[in-house]
N, C-alpha and C. Protein backbone atom coordinates (compact mmCIF):
# COMPACT_ATOMS: atom_id res chain seq x y z
N MET A 1 18.98 -5.77 -9.65
CA MET A 1 19.39 -4.47 -9.14
C MET A 1 18.24 -3.51 -9.22
N LEU A 2 17.52 -3.53 -10.33
CA LEU A 2 16.38 -2.57 -10.45
C LEU A 2 15.24 -2.90 -9.50
N ASP A 3 14.99 -4.18 -9.30
CA ASP A 3 14.00 -4.67 -8.30
C ASP A 3 14.27 -4.10 -6.86
N SER A 4 15.59 -4.15 -6.51
CA SER A 4 16.02 -3.80 -5.14
C SER A 4 16.08 -2.18 -5.14
N GLN A 5 16.33 -1.41 -6.18
CA GLN A 5 16.64 -0.09 -6.15
C GLN A 5 15.38 0.78 -6.44
N ALA A 6 14.65 0.32 -7.48
CA ALA A 6 13.62 1.09 -7.96
C ALA A 6 12.09 0.64 -7.51
N ARG A 7 12.15 -0.37 -6.60
CA ARG A 7 10.81 -0.74 -6.16
C ARG A 7 10.06 0.19 -5.52
N ARG A 8 10.68 1.12 -4.71
CA ARG A 8 10.00 2.08 -3.97
C ARG A 8 9.23 3.05 -4.81
N PHE A 9 9.66 3.18 -6.15
CA PHE A 9 9.11 4.08 -6.96
C PHE A 9 7.71 3.48 -7.66
N VAL A 10 7.84 2.17 -7.89
CA VAL A 10 6.58 1.67 -8.53
C VAL A 10 5.72 1.00 -7.48
N GLU A 11 6.12 0.77 -6.22
CA GLU A 11 5.37 -0.01 -5.19
C GLU A 11 3.97 0.81 -4.94
N PRO A 12 3.93 2.06 -5.03
CA PRO A 12 2.56 2.69 -4.74
C PRO A 12 1.51 2.21 -5.76
N ALA A 13 1.95 2.03 -7.06
CA ALA A 13 0.97 1.52 -8.05
C ALA A 13 0.66 0.10 -7.79
N PHE A 14 1.62 -0.57 -7.41
CA PHE A 14 1.28 -2.07 -7.16
C PHE A 14 0.45 -2.19 -5.99
N ARG A 15 0.65 -1.32 -4.98
CA ARG A 15 -0.24 -1.31 -3.72
C ARG A 15 -1.67 -1.01 -4.10
N VAL A 16 -1.93 0.01 -4.96
CA VAL A 16 -3.17 0.30 -5.37
C VAL A 16 -3.88 -0.83 -5.97
N ALA A 17 -3.20 -1.51 -6.88
CA ALA A 17 -3.68 -2.60 -7.63
C ALA A 17 -4.05 -3.73 -6.63
N ALA A 18 -3.09 -4.00 -5.73
CA ALA A 18 -3.30 -5.01 -4.71
C ALA A 18 -4.46 -4.82 -3.89
N LEU A 19 -4.71 -3.53 -3.40
CA LEU A 19 -5.79 -3.14 -2.49
C LEU A 19 -7.16 -3.40 -3.44
N ALA A 20 -7.16 -3.05 -4.69
CA ALA A 20 -8.35 -3.26 -5.45
C ALA A 20 -8.63 -4.72 -5.46
N LEU A 21 -7.65 -5.54 -5.84
CA LEU A 21 -7.84 -7.00 -5.87
C LEU A 21 -8.26 -7.55 -4.56
N ARG A 22 -7.73 -7.15 -3.35
CA ARG A 22 -8.21 -7.46 -2.07
C ARG A 22 -9.72 -7.21 -1.92
N ARG A 23 -10.10 -5.97 -2.26
CA ARG A 23 -11.49 -5.61 -2.17
C ARG A 23 -12.42 -6.59 -3.00
N LEU A 24 -11.93 -6.94 -4.12
CA LEU A 24 -12.66 -7.93 -4.96
C LEU A 24 -12.68 -9.38 -4.45
N GLY A 25 -11.89 -9.54 -3.45
CA GLY A 25 -11.69 -10.93 -2.96
C GLY A 25 -10.79 -11.99 -3.76
N ILE A 26 -10.00 -11.30 -4.54
CA ILE A 26 -9.03 -12.11 -5.40
C ILE A 26 -7.76 -12.35 -4.62
N SER A 27 -7.32 -13.48 -4.55
CA SER A 27 -6.11 -14.01 -3.69
C SER A 27 -4.94 -13.74 -4.45
N ALA A 28 -3.86 -13.67 -3.71
CA ALA A 28 -2.53 -13.52 -4.23
C ALA A 28 -2.17 -14.70 -5.11
N ASN A 29 -2.53 -15.93 -4.75
CA ASN A 29 -2.33 -17.13 -5.53
C ASN A 29 -3.07 -17.10 -6.82
N ALA A 30 -4.23 -16.56 -6.91
CA ALA A 30 -5.02 -16.38 -8.11
C ALA A 30 -4.27 -15.41 -9.04
N VAL A 31 -3.65 -14.33 -8.44
CA VAL A 31 -2.87 -13.42 -9.24
C VAL A 31 -1.64 -14.00 -9.92
N SER A 32 -0.91 -14.91 -9.03
CA SER A 32 0.19 -15.65 -9.36
C SER A 32 -0.05 -16.57 -10.58
N LEU A 33 -1.16 -17.21 -10.52
CA LEU A 33 -1.58 -18.14 -11.56
C LEU A 33 -1.91 -17.44 -12.86
N THR A 34 -2.62 -16.24 -12.67
CA THR A 34 -2.92 -15.50 -13.89
C THR A 34 -1.59 -14.92 -14.49
N ALA A 35 -0.58 -14.49 -13.71
CA ALA A 35 0.64 -14.05 -14.22
C ALA A 35 1.31 -15.17 -14.93
N LEU A 36 1.32 -16.54 -14.52
CA LEU A 36 1.77 -17.65 -15.22
C LEU A 36 1.09 -17.79 -16.57
N LEU A 37 -0.19 -17.80 -16.58
CA LEU A 37 -0.89 -17.99 -17.83
C LEU A 37 -0.69 -16.88 -18.80
N VAL A 38 -0.55 -15.56 -18.38
CA VAL A 38 -0.21 -14.59 -19.28
C VAL A 38 1.17 -14.73 -19.72
N GLY A 39 2.13 -15.15 -18.87
CA GLY A 39 3.51 -15.40 -19.33
C GLY A 39 3.63 -16.52 -20.32
N LEU A 40 2.70 -17.58 -20.17
CA LEU A 40 2.79 -18.63 -21.08
C LEU A 40 2.23 -18.14 -22.43
N GLY A 41 1.30 -17.25 -22.36
CA GLY A 41 0.73 -16.50 -23.61
C GLY A 41 1.90 -15.79 -24.37
N ALA A 42 2.90 -15.24 -23.54
CA ALA A 42 3.95 -14.56 -24.21
C ALA A 42 4.80 -15.61 -25.02
N ALA A 43 5.02 -16.74 -24.44
CA ALA A 43 5.67 -17.80 -25.11
C ALA A 43 5.00 -18.16 -26.45
N GLY A 44 3.60 -18.18 -26.38
CA GLY A 44 2.84 -18.45 -27.52
C GLY A 44 2.96 -17.46 -28.58
N GLY A 45 3.10 -16.10 -28.12
CA GLY A 45 3.40 -15.06 -29.10
C GLY A 45 4.60 -15.21 -29.72
N ILE A 46 5.73 -15.69 -28.99
CA ILE A 46 7.04 -15.91 -29.65
C ILE A 46 6.91 -17.01 -30.75
N VAL A 47 6.24 -18.06 -30.32
CA VAL A 47 6.12 -19.26 -31.41
C VAL A 47 5.46 -18.79 -32.57
N SER A 48 4.32 -17.92 -32.37
CA SER A 48 3.48 -17.62 -33.48
C SER A 48 4.10 -16.50 -34.26
N GLY A 49 5.28 -15.98 -34.08
CA GLY A 49 5.94 -14.97 -34.69
C GLY A 49 5.45 -13.54 -34.49
N ARG A 50 4.80 -13.35 -33.27
CA ARG A 50 4.15 -11.97 -32.90
C ARG A 50 5.01 -11.44 -31.63
N PRO A 51 6.16 -10.93 -32.08
CA PRO A 51 7.02 -10.48 -30.94
C PRO A 51 6.44 -9.28 -30.12
N GLY A 52 5.75 -8.42 -30.72
CA GLY A 52 5.07 -7.24 -30.10
C GLY A 52 4.11 -7.80 -28.93
N LEU A 53 3.29 -8.71 -29.46
CA LEU A 53 2.33 -9.37 -28.46
C LEU A 53 3.10 -10.05 -27.31
N ALA A 54 4.09 -10.79 -27.73
CA ALA A 54 4.84 -11.60 -26.71
C ALA A 54 5.44 -10.67 -25.64
N ILE A 55 6.04 -9.46 -26.06
CA ILE A 55 6.75 -8.57 -25.20
C ILE A 55 5.56 -7.95 -24.28
N ALA A 56 4.37 -7.56 -24.86
CA ALA A 56 3.41 -7.00 -24.09
C ALA A 56 2.88 -7.98 -22.99
N LEU A 57 2.64 -9.19 -23.37
CA LEU A 57 2.18 -10.20 -22.45
C LEU A 57 3.27 -10.55 -21.44
N LEU A 58 4.55 -10.57 -21.74
CA LEU A 58 5.64 -10.78 -20.82
C LEU A 58 5.60 -9.67 -19.67
N TRP A 59 5.39 -8.43 -20.16
CA TRP A 59 5.47 -7.41 -19.07
C TRP A 59 4.26 -7.31 -18.25
N ILE A 60 3.06 -7.67 -18.87
CA ILE A 60 1.77 -7.77 -18.08
C ILE A 60 1.99 -8.81 -17.12
N SER A 61 2.57 -10.06 -17.44
CA SER A 61 2.88 -11.06 -16.50
C SER A 61 3.81 -10.61 -15.27
N GLY A 62 4.70 -9.80 -15.77
CA GLY A 62 5.75 -9.35 -14.78
C GLY A 62 5.13 -8.39 -13.76
N CYS A 63 4.24 -7.43 -14.27
CA CYS A 63 3.36 -6.67 -13.47
C CYS A 63 2.58 -7.34 -12.47
N LEU A 64 1.85 -8.32 -12.98
CA LEU A 64 1.02 -9.27 -12.15
C LEU A 64 1.88 -9.98 -11.08
N ASP A 65 3.02 -10.20 -11.41
CA ASP A 65 3.99 -11.05 -10.47
C ASP A 65 4.35 -10.00 -9.37
N ALA A 66 4.56 -8.89 -9.69
CA ALA A 66 4.82 -7.87 -8.64
C ALA A 66 3.71 -7.63 -7.76
N VAL A 67 2.51 -7.47 -8.41
CA VAL A 67 1.24 -7.20 -7.52
C VAL A 67 0.90 -8.40 -6.71
N ASP A 68 1.22 -9.72 -7.16
CA ASP A 68 0.81 -10.81 -6.19
C ASP A 68 1.57 -10.76 -4.92
N GLY A 69 2.88 -10.26 -5.04
CA GLY A 69 3.74 -10.31 -3.85
C GLY A 69 3.18 -9.12 -2.79
N THR A 70 2.80 -7.95 -3.45
CA THR A 70 2.23 -6.97 -2.64
C THR A 70 0.92 -7.39 -1.97
N LEU A 71 0.05 -8.05 -2.77
CA LEU A 71 -1.15 -8.57 -2.23
C LEU A 71 -0.94 -9.59 -1.18
N ALA A 72 -0.01 -10.51 -1.38
CA ALA A 72 0.23 -11.36 -0.23
C ALA A 72 0.67 -10.88 1.05
N ARG A 73 1.47 -9.64 0.86
CA ARG A 73 1.89 -8.97 2.15
C ARG A 73 0.75 -8.26 2.78
N LEU A 74 -0.27 -7.88 2.03
CA LEU A 74 -1.45 -7.21 2.61
C LEU A 74 -2.46 -8.25 3.31
N THR A 75 -2.30 -9.49 2.86
CA THR A 75 -3.35 -10.51 3.24
C THR A 75 -2.53 -11.69 3.91
N ALA A 76 -1.41 -11.46 4.51
CA ALA A 76 -0.68 -12.60 5.19
C ALA A 76 -0.65 -13.77 4.30
N GLY A 77 0.24 -13.60 3.19
CA GLY A 77 0.35 -14.68 2.23
C GLY A 77 0.88 -15.97 2.94
N THR A 78 0.79 -17.10 2.14
CA THR A 78 1.13 -18.34 2.66
C THR A 78 2.42 -18.88 2.11
N PRO A 79 3.05 -19.82 2.84
CA PRO A 79 4.34 -20.25 2.22
C PRO A 79 4.11 -21.02 0.87
N ILE A 80 2.99 -21.71 0.64
CA ILE A 80 2.69 -22.39 -0.50
C ILE A 80 2.72 -21.19 -1.67
N GLY A 81 2.16 -20.06 -1.32
CA GLY A 81 1.91 -18.95 -2.27
C GLY A 81 3.41 -18.55 -2.69
N ALA A 82 4.34 -18.42 -1.80
CA ALA A 82 5.70 -18.02 -1.99
C ALA A 82 6.36 -18.99 -2.99
N ILE A 83 6.11 -20.32 -2.68
CA ILE A 83 6.67 -21.40 -3.58
C ILE A 83 6.16 -21.35 -4.96
N LEU A 84 4.85 -21.19 -5.09
CA LEU A 84 4.18 -21.12 -6.35
C LEU A 84 4.71 -19.95 -7.15
N ASP A 85 4.85 -18.68 -6.46
CA ASP A 85 5.35 -17.47 -7.06
C ASP A 85 6.73 -17.71 -7.71
N ILE A 86 7.70 -18.17 -6.99
CA ILE A 86 8.99 -18.31 -7.52
C ILE A 86 9.07 -19.32 -8.54
N THR A 87 8.30 -20.45 -8.41
CA THR A 87 8.23 -21.56 -9.37
C THR A 87 7.68 -20.97 -10.73
N PHE A 88 6.53 -20.26 -10.62
CA PHE A 88 5.74 -19.83 -11.80
C PHE A 88 6.80 -18.79 -12.59
N ASP A 89 7.47 -18.04 -11.79
CA ASP A 89 8.39 -17.09 -12.46
C ASP A 89 9.38 -17.88 -13.39
N ARG A 90 9.99 -18.89 -12.85
CA ARG A 90 10.94 -19.70 -13.72
C ARG A 90 10.17 -20.40 -14.91
N ILE A 91 9.05 -20.78 -14.76
CA ILE A 91 8.31 -21.35 -15.75
C ILE A 91 8.06 -20.44 -16.95
N VAL A 92 7.73 -19.14 -16.55
CA VAL A 92 7.57 -18.04 -17.61
C VAL A 92 8.91 -17.82 -18.37
N GLU A 93 9.95 -17.65 -17.63
CA GLU A 93 11.15 -17.40 -18.32
C GLU A 93 11.66 -18.64 -19.20
N THR A 94 11.51 -19.84 -18.65
CA THR A 94 11.92 -21.00 -19.35
C THR A 94 10.93 -21.20 -20.67
N ALA A 95 9.65 -20.90 -20.39
CA ALA A 95 8.72 -21.01 -21.64
C ALA A 95 9.13 -20.02 -22.71
N ALA A 96 9.47 -18.84 -22.36
CA ALA A 96 10.01 -17.84 -23.32
C ALA A 96 11.23 -18.24 -23.96
N ILE A 97 12.26 -18.86 -23.28
CA ILE A 97 13.40 -19.26 -23.91
C ILE A 97 13.22 -20.46 -24.74
N ALA A 98 12.38 -21.41 -24.33
CA ALA A 98 12.00 -22.59 -25.16
C ALA A 98 11.39 -22.20 -26.39
N ALA A 99 10.42 -21.10 -26.41
CA ALA A 99 9.74 -20.70 -27.56
C ALA A 99 10.82 -20.08 -28.69
N LEU A 100 11.75 -19.38 -28.09
CA LEU A 100 12.93 -18.85 -28.86
C LEU A 100 13.61 -20.05 -29.51
N ALA A 101 13.95 -21.00 -28.68
CA ALA A 101 14.68 -22.16 -29.13
C ALA A 101 13.83 -22.89 -30.29
N TRP A 102 12.49 -22.95 -30.12
CA TRP A 102 11.72 -23.60 -31.08
C TRP A 102 11.82 -22.89 -32.49
N ARG A 103 11.79 -21.44 -32.32
CA ARG A 103 11.83 -20.62 -33.60
C ARG A 103 13.33 -20.59 -34.23
N HIS A 104 14.29 -20.81 -33.39
CA HIS A 104 15.74 -20.75 -33.84
C HIS A 104 16.49 -22.01 -33.43
N PRO A 105 16.30 -23.05 -34.24
CA PRO A 105 16.81 -24.38 -33.80
C PRO A 105 18.37 -24.37 -33.87
N ALA A 106 19.02 -23.56 -34.63
CA ALA A 106 20.43 -23.31 -34.65
C ALA A 106 20.98 -22.85 -33.36
N LEU A 107 20.24 -22.15 -32.62
CA LEU A 107 20.73 -21.57 -31.35
C LEU A 107 20.25 -22.32 -30.11
N ARG A 108 19.72 -23.48 -30.29
CA ARG A 108 19.30 -24.31 -29.09
C ARG A 108 20.39 -24.46 -28.02
N PHE A 109 21.59 -24.73 -28.46
CA PHE A 109 22.68 -24.94 -27.42
C PHE A 109 22.84 -23.73 -26.72
N GLU A 110 23.00 -22.53 -27.28
CA GLU A 110 23.11 -21.26 -26.48
C GLU A 110 21.97 -20.96 -25.55
N LEU A 111 20.76 -21.24 -25.98
CA LEU A 111 19.63 -21.01 -25.19
C LEU A 111 19.56 -22.11 -23.99
N LEU A 112 20.09 -23.36 -24.30
CA LEU A 112 20.06 -24.30 -23.32
C LEU A 112 21.18 -23.91 -22.19
N LEU A 113 22.20 -23.24 -22.59
CA LEU A 113 23.18 -22.80 -21.56
C LEU A 113 22.47 -21.66 -20.74
N LEU A 114 21.77 -20.86 -21.40
CA LEU A 114 20.93 -19.79 -20.69
C LEU A 114 19.98 -20.38 -19.60
N VAL A 115 19.23 -21.40 -19.97
CA VAL A 115 18.33 -21.98 -19.09
C VAL A 115 19.19 -22.58 -18.01
N GLY A 116 20.32 -23.28 -18.30
CA GLY A 116 21.16 -23.86 -17.22
C GLY A 116 21.75 -22.82 -16.28
N ALA A 117 22.12 -21.62 -16.81
CA ALA A 117 22.60 -20.57 -15.98
C ALA A 117 21.52 -20.08 -14.98
N ILE A 118 20.27 -19.90 -15.62
CA ILE A 118 19.10 -19.58 -14.70
C ILE A 118 18.91 -20.59 -13.62
N ALA A 119 18.90 -21.81 -13.97
CA ALA A 119 18.64 -22.82 -12.91
C ALA A 119 19.75 -22.86 -11.89
N ILE A 120 21.04 -22.71 -12.23
CA ILE A 120 22.18 -22.64 -11.22
C ILE A 120 22.07 -21.38 -10.37
N ALA A 121 21.61 -20.31 -11.02
CA ALA A 121 21.60 -19.07 -10.35
C ALA A 121 20.43 -19.17 -9.31
N MET A 122 19.40 -19.75 -9.58
CA MET A 122 18.23 -19.94 -8.67
C MET A 122 18.59 -20.80 -7.57
N SER A 123 19.33 -21.93 -7.89
CA SER A 123 19.80 -22.81 -6.78
C SER A 123 20.67 -21.93 -5.78
N LEU A 124 21.55 -21.14 -6.30
CA LEU A 124 22.35 -20.43 -5.33
C LEU A 124 21.46 -19.40 -4.60
N PHE A 125 20.59 -18.75 -5.35
CA PHE A 125 19.65 -17.74 -4.70
C PHE A 125 18.90 -18.30 -3.54
N LEU A 126 18.23 -19.57 -3.76
CA LEU A 126 17.53 -20.15 -2.79
C LEU A 126 18.31 -20.78 -1.66
N SER A 127 19.49 -21.22 -1.93
CA SER A 127 20.46 -21.62 -0.89
C SER A 127 20.82 -20.57 -0.02
N ILE A 128 21.19 -19.41 -0.52
CA ILE A 128 21.32 -18.21 0.22
C ILE A 128 20.16 -17.81 1.25
N ALA A 129 18.92 -17.88 0.51
CA ALA A 129 17.74 -17.51 1.17
C ALA A 129 17.51 -18.53 2.43
N ALA A 130 17.99 -19.67 2.27
CA ALA A 130 17.76 -20.58 3.29
C ALA A 130 18.89 -20.44 4.39
N ALA A 131 20.05 -19.91 4.05
CA ALA A 131 21.14 -19.93 5.01
C ALA A 131 21.12 -18.51 5.74
N VAL A 132 20.49 -17.58 5.26
CA VAL A 132 20.67 -16.22 5.84
C VAL A 132 19.35 -15.86 6.45
N ILE A 133 19.39 -15.32 7.64
CA ILE A 133 18.23 -14.97 8.41
C ILE A 133 17.51 -13.92 7.70
N ASN A 134 16.15 -14.16 7.56
CA ASN A 134 15.30 -13.24 6.79
C ASN A 134 14.82 -11.96 7.73
N ARG A 135 15.15 -10.79 7.37
CA ARG A 135 14.72 -9.71 8.16
C ARG A 135 13.94 -8.69 7.35
N SER A 136 13.41 -9.21 6.16
CA SER A 136 12.68 -8.33 5.24
C SER A 136 11.21 -8.62 5.25
N VAL A 137 10.52 -7.87 4.42
CA VAL A 137 9.01 -8.16 4.28
C VAL A 137 8.71 -9.37 3.45
N LYS A 138 9.84 -9.78 2.61
CA LYS A 138 9.54 -10.93 1.81
C LYS A 138 9.36 -12.26 2.61
N SER A 139 8.97 -13.27 1.98
CA SER A 139 8.84 -14.54 2.64
C SER A 139 10.10 -15.24 2.91
N PHE A 140 11.23 -14.79 2.27
CA PHE A 140 12.52 -15.44 2.48
C PHE A 140 13.58 -14.37 2.21
N HIS A 141 14.72 -14.56 2.68
CA HIS A 141 15.82 -13.57 2.49
C HIS A 141 16.18 -13.41 1.08
N TYR A 142 16.20 -12.12 0.62
CA TYR A 142 16.44 -11.82 -0.78
C TYR A 142 17.81 -11.25 -0.94
N ALA A 143 18.65 -12.01 -1.58
CA ALA A 143 19.99 -11.52 -1.86
C ALA A 143 20.02 -10.71 -3.11
N PRO A 144 20.46 -9.40 -3.04
CA PRO A 144 20.30 -8.54 -4.22
C PRO A 144 21.57 -8.92 -5.21
N GLY A 145 21.37 -8.30 -6.46
CA GLY A 145 22.46 -8.61 -7.47
C GLY A 145 22.11 -7.92 -8.73
N LEU A 146 23.03 -7.87 -9.59
CA LEU A 146 22.95 -7.23 -10.85
C LEU A 146 21.67 -7.67 -11.63
N GLY A 147 21.47 -8.82 -11.71
CA GLY A 147 20.42 -9.42 -12.54
C GLY A 147 19.27 -9.96 -11.64
N GLU A 148 18.24 -9.19 -11.56
CA GLU A 148 17.04 -9.56 -10.84
C GLU A 148 15.95 -9.74 -11.81
N ARG A 149 14.66 -9.86 -11.38
CA ARG A 149 13.54 -10.21 -12.28
C ARG A 149 13.36 -9.18 -13.50
N THR A 150 13.49 -7.87 -13.13
CA THR A 150 13.30 -6.81 -14.05
C THR A 150 14.34 -6.94 -15.14
N GLU A 151 15.55 -7.07 -14.70
CA GLU A 151 16.70 -7.26 -15.65
C GLU A 151 16.41 -8.44 -16.56
N ALA A 152 16.00 -9.57 -15.96
CA ALA A 152 15.71 -10.82 -16.85
C ALA A 152 14.61 -10.52 -17.81
N PHE A 153 13.75 -9.66 -17.47
CA PHE A 153 12.60 -9.19 -18.49
C PHE A 153 13.12 -8.32 -19.45
N LEU A 154 14.02 -7.42 -19.04
CA LEU A 154 14.62 -6.59 -20.14
C LEU A 154 15.34 -7.40 -21.12
N CYS A 155 16.22 -8.40 -20.59
CA CYS A 155 16.95 -9.18 -21.48
C CYS A 155 16.00 -10.04 -22.42
N LEU A 156 15.11 -10.54 -21.84
CA LEU A 156 14.11 -11.40 -22.72
C LEU A 156 13.42 -10.58 -23.66
N THR A 157 13.07 -9.23 -23.33
CA THR A 157 12.51 -8.39 -24.26
C THR A 157 13.44 -7.98 -25.42
N VAL A 158 14.64 -7.87 -25.15
CA VAL A 158 15.51 -7.56 -26.29
C VAL A 158 15.67 -8.75 -27.13
N MET A 159 15.87 -10.04 -26.40
CA MET A 159 15.95 -11.23 -27.17
C MET A 159 14.71 -11.43 -28.23
N ILE A 160 13.58 -11.15 -27.68
CA ILE A 160 12.35 -11.33 -28.50
C ILE A 160 12.26 -10.28 -29.56
N ALA A 161 12.64 -9.06 -29.16
CA ALA A 161 12.48 -7.80 -30.24
C ALA A 161 13.65 -7.99 -31.30
N ASP A 162 14.82 -8.59 -31.04
CA ASP A 162 15.89 -8.48 -31.87
C ASP A 162 16.48 -9.95 -32.10
N GLN A 163 15.72 -10.74 -32.69
CA GLN A 163 15.94 -12.20 -32.76
C GLN A 163 17.05 -12.51 -33.78
N ARG A 164 17.37 -11.50 -34.63
CA ARG A 164 18.55 -11.70 -35.53
C ARG A 164 19.85 -11.89 -34.76
N ARG A 165 19.97 -11.11 -33.61
CA ARG A 165 21.10 -11.08 -32.86
C ARG A 165 20.93 -12.02 -31.45
N LEU A 166 20.10 -13.04 -31.70
CA LEU A 166 19.69 -13.74 -30.49
C LEU A 166 20.91 -14.40 -29.70
N ALA A 167 21.88 -14.82 -30.48
CA ALA A 167 23.10 -15.44 -29.81
C ALA A 167 23.78 -14.48 -28.91
N LEU A 168 24.01 -13.15 -29.46
CA LEU A 168 24.56 -12.16 -28.73
C LEU A 168 23.83 -11.77 -27.50
N TRP A 169 22.52 -11.61 -27.52
CA TRP A 169 21.69 -11.26 -26.38
C TRP A 169 21.71 -12.41 -25.39
N SER A 170 21.75 -13.66 -25.86
CA SER A 170 21.72 -14.78 -24.91
C SER A 170 23.07 -14.80 -24.08
N ALA A 171 24.12 -14.40 -24.86
CA ALA A 171 25.41 -14.37 -24.15
C ALA A 171 25.49 -13.25 -23.22
N ILE A 172 25.03 -12.16 -23.51
CA ILE A 172 24.91 -11.01 -22.52
C ILE A 172 24.15 -11.46 -21.31
N PHE A 173 22.93 -12.05 -21.53
CA PHE A 173 22.13 -12.49 -20.44
C PHE A 173 22.88 -13.44 -19.58
N ILE A 174 23.59 -14.38 -20.14
CA ILE A 174 24.29 -15.37 -19.41
C ILE A 174 25.43 -14.69 -18.54
N ALA A 175 26.22 -13.76 -19.18
CA ALA A 175 27.22 -12.93 -18.48
C ALA A 175 26.67 -12.16 -17.31
N MET A 176 25.41 -11.56 -17.51
CA MET A 176 24.76 -10.90 -16.38
C MET A 176 24.46 -11.83 -15.20
N ILE A 177 24.01 -13.03 -15.57
CA ILE A 177 23.76 -14.09 -14.56
C ILE A 177 24.94 -14.52 -13.71
N VAL A 178 26.11 -14.77 -14.53
CA VAL A 178 27.34 -15.08 -13.93
C VAL A 178 27.81 -14.00 -12.99
N VAL A 179 27.82 -12.64 -13.42
CA VAL A 179 28.08 -11.60 -12.51
C VAL A 179 27.24 -11.55 -11.29
N THR A 180 25.93 -11.79 -11.48
CA THR A 180 24.95 -11.80 -10.33
C THR A 180 25.31 -13.03 -9.42
N MET A 181 25.65 -14.03 -9.78
CA MET A 181 25.98 -15.21 -9.00
C MET A 181 27.22 -14.87 -8.11
N ALA A 182 28.24 -14.27 -8.83
CA ALA A 182 29.44 -13.81 -8.09
C ALA A 182 29.11 -12.81 -7.01
N GLN A 183 28.23 -11.80 -7.32
CA GLN A 183 27.73 -10.83 -6.32
C GLN A 183 27.09 -11.54 -5.14
N ARG A 184 26.15 -12.40 -5.45
CA ARG A 184 25.49 -13.08 -4.34
C ARG A 184 26.37 -13.94 -3.50
N LEU A 185 27.31 -14.62 -4.09
CA LEU A 185 28.26 -15.39 -3.31
C LEU A 185 28.99 -14.52 -2.38
N TRP A 186 29.50 -13.42 -2.76
CA TRP A 186 30.22 -12.40 -1.98
C TRP A 186 29.29 -11.98 -0.97
N TYR A 187 28.04 -11.59 -1.26
CA TYR A 187 27.12 -11.06 -0.36
C TYR A 187 26.93 -12.12 0.75
N ALA A 188 26.68 -13.33 0.41
CA ALA A 188 26.35 -14.39 1.37
C ALA A 188 27.57 -14.67 2.24
N ALA A 189 28.70 -14.65 1.75
CA ALA A 189 30.03 -14.83 2.55
C ALA A 189 30.11 -13.75 3.58
N ARG A 190 29.74 -12.49 3.22
CA ARG A 190 29.83 -11.42 4.19
C ARG A 190 28.72 -11.54 5.22
N GLN A 191 27.56 -11.93 4.79
CA GLN A 191 26.32 -12.03 5.78
C GLN A 191 26.63 -13.26 6.77
N LEU A 192 27.14 -14.28 6.19
CA LEU A 192 27.41 -15.52 7.07
C LEU A 192 28.48 -15.30 8.03
N ALA A 193 29.51 -14.39 7.67
CA ALA A 193 30.62 -14.22 8.47
C ALA A 193 30.24 -13.43 9.74
N ARG A 194 29.12 -12.64 9.71
CA ARG A 194 28.75 -11.92 10.82
C ARG A 194 28.32 -12.75 12.09
């Protein structure tokens, strides 16, 4: 929801960063890889018991992820870049959740359910992207919903910051994903009925 609604407010900053990277000759794929590595560093911060560092690295990774898309649009990004981008996003999320599971073995089942919900939601998201004609600047059709990338980062941030209530925050994250899937199914049904 925030990605779809608030993007216009932060896009100018992402564009400035993307233009600077383009002048330096840095590719969108290089930025995507950097976002992945920084995101994996966030998982390392979780494992090492440094939640502040983990949260900072998670959000730096997220900002780089936003900049790589802007840079790709400025430089005629490639299909493989779009594939890497969306794959790296899921690796970062899964790594953070796996790190939390490593620190909290008693909650591994709840965290496994969360990863499963993310996987199912991404399958739905990509199925809709394949079925609905793309008329946006993105490389595929983007179905909006309550839980987009920024909301996932907010949920992960709360989970990392308040690990004492990790089961509660995991359940809230799962509920947000379920609502998002319902929204996207409804959206796809309307789009495909046209």
